Protein backbone atom coordinates (compact mmCIF):
# COMPACT_ATOMS: atom_id res chain seq x y z
CA UNK A 1 -0.05 -0.03 -0.29
CA UNK A 2 3.12 2.17 0.11
CA UNK A 3 4.14 3.55 -2.69
CA UNK A 4 3.43 6.62 -5.43
CA UNK A 5 2.05 7.80 -8.04
CA UNK A 6 2.91 5.67 -9.89
CA UNK A 7 1.70 2.57 -8.17
CA UNK A 8 -1.51 4.39 -8.50
CA UNK A 9 -0.88 4.34 -11.69
CA UNK A 10 -0.48 1.08 -12.32
CA UNK A 11 -3.77 0.13 -9.86
CA UNK A 12 -6.27 2.16 -11.63
CA UNK A 13 -5.04 0.46 -15.18
CA UNK A 14 -4.99 -3.42 -13.10
CA UNK A 15 -8.54 -1.87 -12.52
CA UNK A 16 -9.33 -1.43 -15.58
CA UNK A 17 -8.25 -4.34 -17.64
CA UNK A 18 -10.03 -6.83 -15.19
CA UNK A 19 -13.23 -4.39 -14.94
CA UNK A 20 -16.24 -6.25 -16.84
CA UNK A 21 -13.68 -8.14 -18.94
CA UNK A 22 -14.50 -12.00 -17.68
CA UNK A 23 -11.55 -12.91 -19.56
CA UNK A 24 -9.45 -11.40 -18.24
CA UNK A 25 -10.15 -11.66 -14.81
CA UNK A 26 -9.82 -15.38 -15.49
CA UNK A 27 -6.15 -14.93 -16.87
CA UNK A 28 -5.82 -12.74 -13.01
CA UNK A 29 -6.91 -15.13 -11.23
CA UNK A 30 -5.59 -18.64 -13.28
CA UNK A 31 -2.17 -16.99 -13.42
CA UNK A 32 -2.01 -16.18 -9.40
CA UNK A 33 -1.66 -12.56 -9.38
CA UNK A 34 -4.54 -13.15 -6.79
CA UNK A 35 -2.41 -14.61 -4.71
CA UNK A 36 0.40 -11.46 -4.23
CA UNK A 37 -2.55 -9.19 -3.28
CA UNK A 38 -1.68 -10.40 0.35
CA UNK A 39 1.15 -8.23 0.77
CA UNK A 40 -0.38 -5.57 0.06
CA UNK A 41 -2.54 -5.47 2.90
CA UNK A 42 0.11 -5.75 5.46
CA UNK A 43 0.01 -2.94 7.90
CA UNK A 44 2.66 -2.26 10.56
CA UNK A 45 2.80 -3.35 14.68
CA UNK A 46 0.14 -0.98 16.35
CA UNK A 47 2.70 -0.81 18.98
CA UNK A 48 1.14 -0.72 22.59
CA UNK A 49 0.83 2.06 23.97
CA UNK A 50 -0.81 3.67 27.05
CA UNK A 51 -1.09 7.09 24.46
CA UNK A 52 -1.40 5.64 21.41
CA UNK A 53 -0.90 7.89 18.60
CA UNK A 54 -2.71 6.66 15.16
CA UNK A 55 -0.57 5.99 12.44
CA UNK A 56 -0.76 8.51 10.20
CA UNK A 57 -3.00 8.15 6.71
CA UNK A 58 -1.35 9.55 3.51
CA UNK A 59 -3.74 10.84 0.82
CA UNK A 60 -1.24 8.68 -1.44
CA UNK A 61 -1.35 5.54 1.40
CA UNK A 62 -5.19 5.79 1.14
CA UNK A 63 -5.71 6.00 -2.26
CA UNK A 64 -3.74 2.95 -3.37
CA UNK A 65 -5.60 0.94 -0.70
CA UNK A 66 -8.74 2.51 -2.18
CA UNK A 67 -8.06 1.67 -5.83
CA UNK A 68 -7.25 -2.04 -4.11
CA UNK A 69 -10.66 -2.77 -2.43
CA UNK A 70 -12.24 -1.93 -5.82
CA UNK A 71 -10.02 -4.10 -7.38
CA UNK A 72 -11.11 -7.03 -5.04
CA UNK A 73 -14.90 -6.09 -5.36
CA UNK A 74 -14.14 -6.25 -8.58
CA UNK A 75 -12.98 -10.08 -8.61
CA UNK A 76 -16.21 -10.54 -6.93
CA UNK A 77 -18.56 -8.92 -8.24
CA UNK A 78 -22.39 -10.41 -8.26
CA UNK A 79 -22.86 -9.76 -11.86
CA UNK A 80 -19.63 -11.93 -12.50
CA UNK A 81 -19.79 -15.83 -13.67
CA UNK A 82 -20.80 -17.49 -10.07
CA UNK A 83 -18.28 -20.37 -11.26
CA UNK A 84 -15.66 -17.60 -11.15
CA UNK A 85 -16.65 -15.08 -7.93
CA UNK A 86 -16.69 -19.33 -6.25
CA UNK A 87 -12.98 -19.05 -7.48
CA UNK A 88 -11.77 -16.16 -6.53
CA UNK A 89 -12.80 -15.83 -2.92
CA UNK A 90 -11.35 -19.34 -2.11
CA UNK A 91 -8.10 -18.15 -3.29
CA UNK A 92 -8.97 -15.17 -1.38
CA UNK A 93 -9.83 -17.07 1.13
CA UNK A 94 -6.71 -19.81 1.31
CA UNK A 95 -4.69 -16.96 1.21
CA UNK A 96 -5.42 -14.79 3.99
CA UNK A 97 -6.54 -12.29 2.60
CA UNK A 98 -9.85 -11.66 4.28
CA UNK A 99 -7.83 -12.46 7.53
CA UNK A 100 -5.38 -9.10 6.41
CA UNK A 101 -9.26 -7.16 5.50
CA UNK A 102 -10.02 -7.23 9.29
CA UNK A 103 -6.76 -6.78 10.33
CA UNK A 104 -6.88 -3.47 8.41
CA UNK A 105 -10.79 -2.59 9.80
CA UNK A 106 -9.02 -2.35 13.25
CA UNK A 107 -6.03 -0.99 12.67
CA UNK A 108 -6.34 2.07 15.09
CA UNK A 109 -6.67 5.34 12.56
CA UNK A 110 -7.72 3.45 10.10
CA UNK A 111 -9.64 6.71 8.05
CA UNK A 112 -13.21 7.12 7.50
CA UNK A 113 -14.02 6.14 3.64
CA UNK A 114 -11.24 2.92 4.20
CA UNK A 115 -13.90 1.64 6.74
CA UNK A 116 -16.86 2.16 4.44
CA UNK A 117 -15.60 0.56 1.23
């Protein structure tokens, strides 16, 4: 999730390639690219302190995470083929993406727009 405008542009391009294109989505899944998403959602461990200061979420990091969340939504959209959705969900589950998303939801100082997505 840490990265600059180039990461954001690459995610936007990938999102445009996958949106409403089952062939590209199948290729993305079959070439094991879903598994590569998991590290994107790794967050540094929150420090255990009495006066905990939430980490700073810069705008670029927020944009990158929002785009990656949108990419996940595209892959499991109800408008997709049910078999494709099930395959994507299984890979996301076995690779720990859902657990990373739960960790993200509980992360201190999470911006509201990411929480809502």
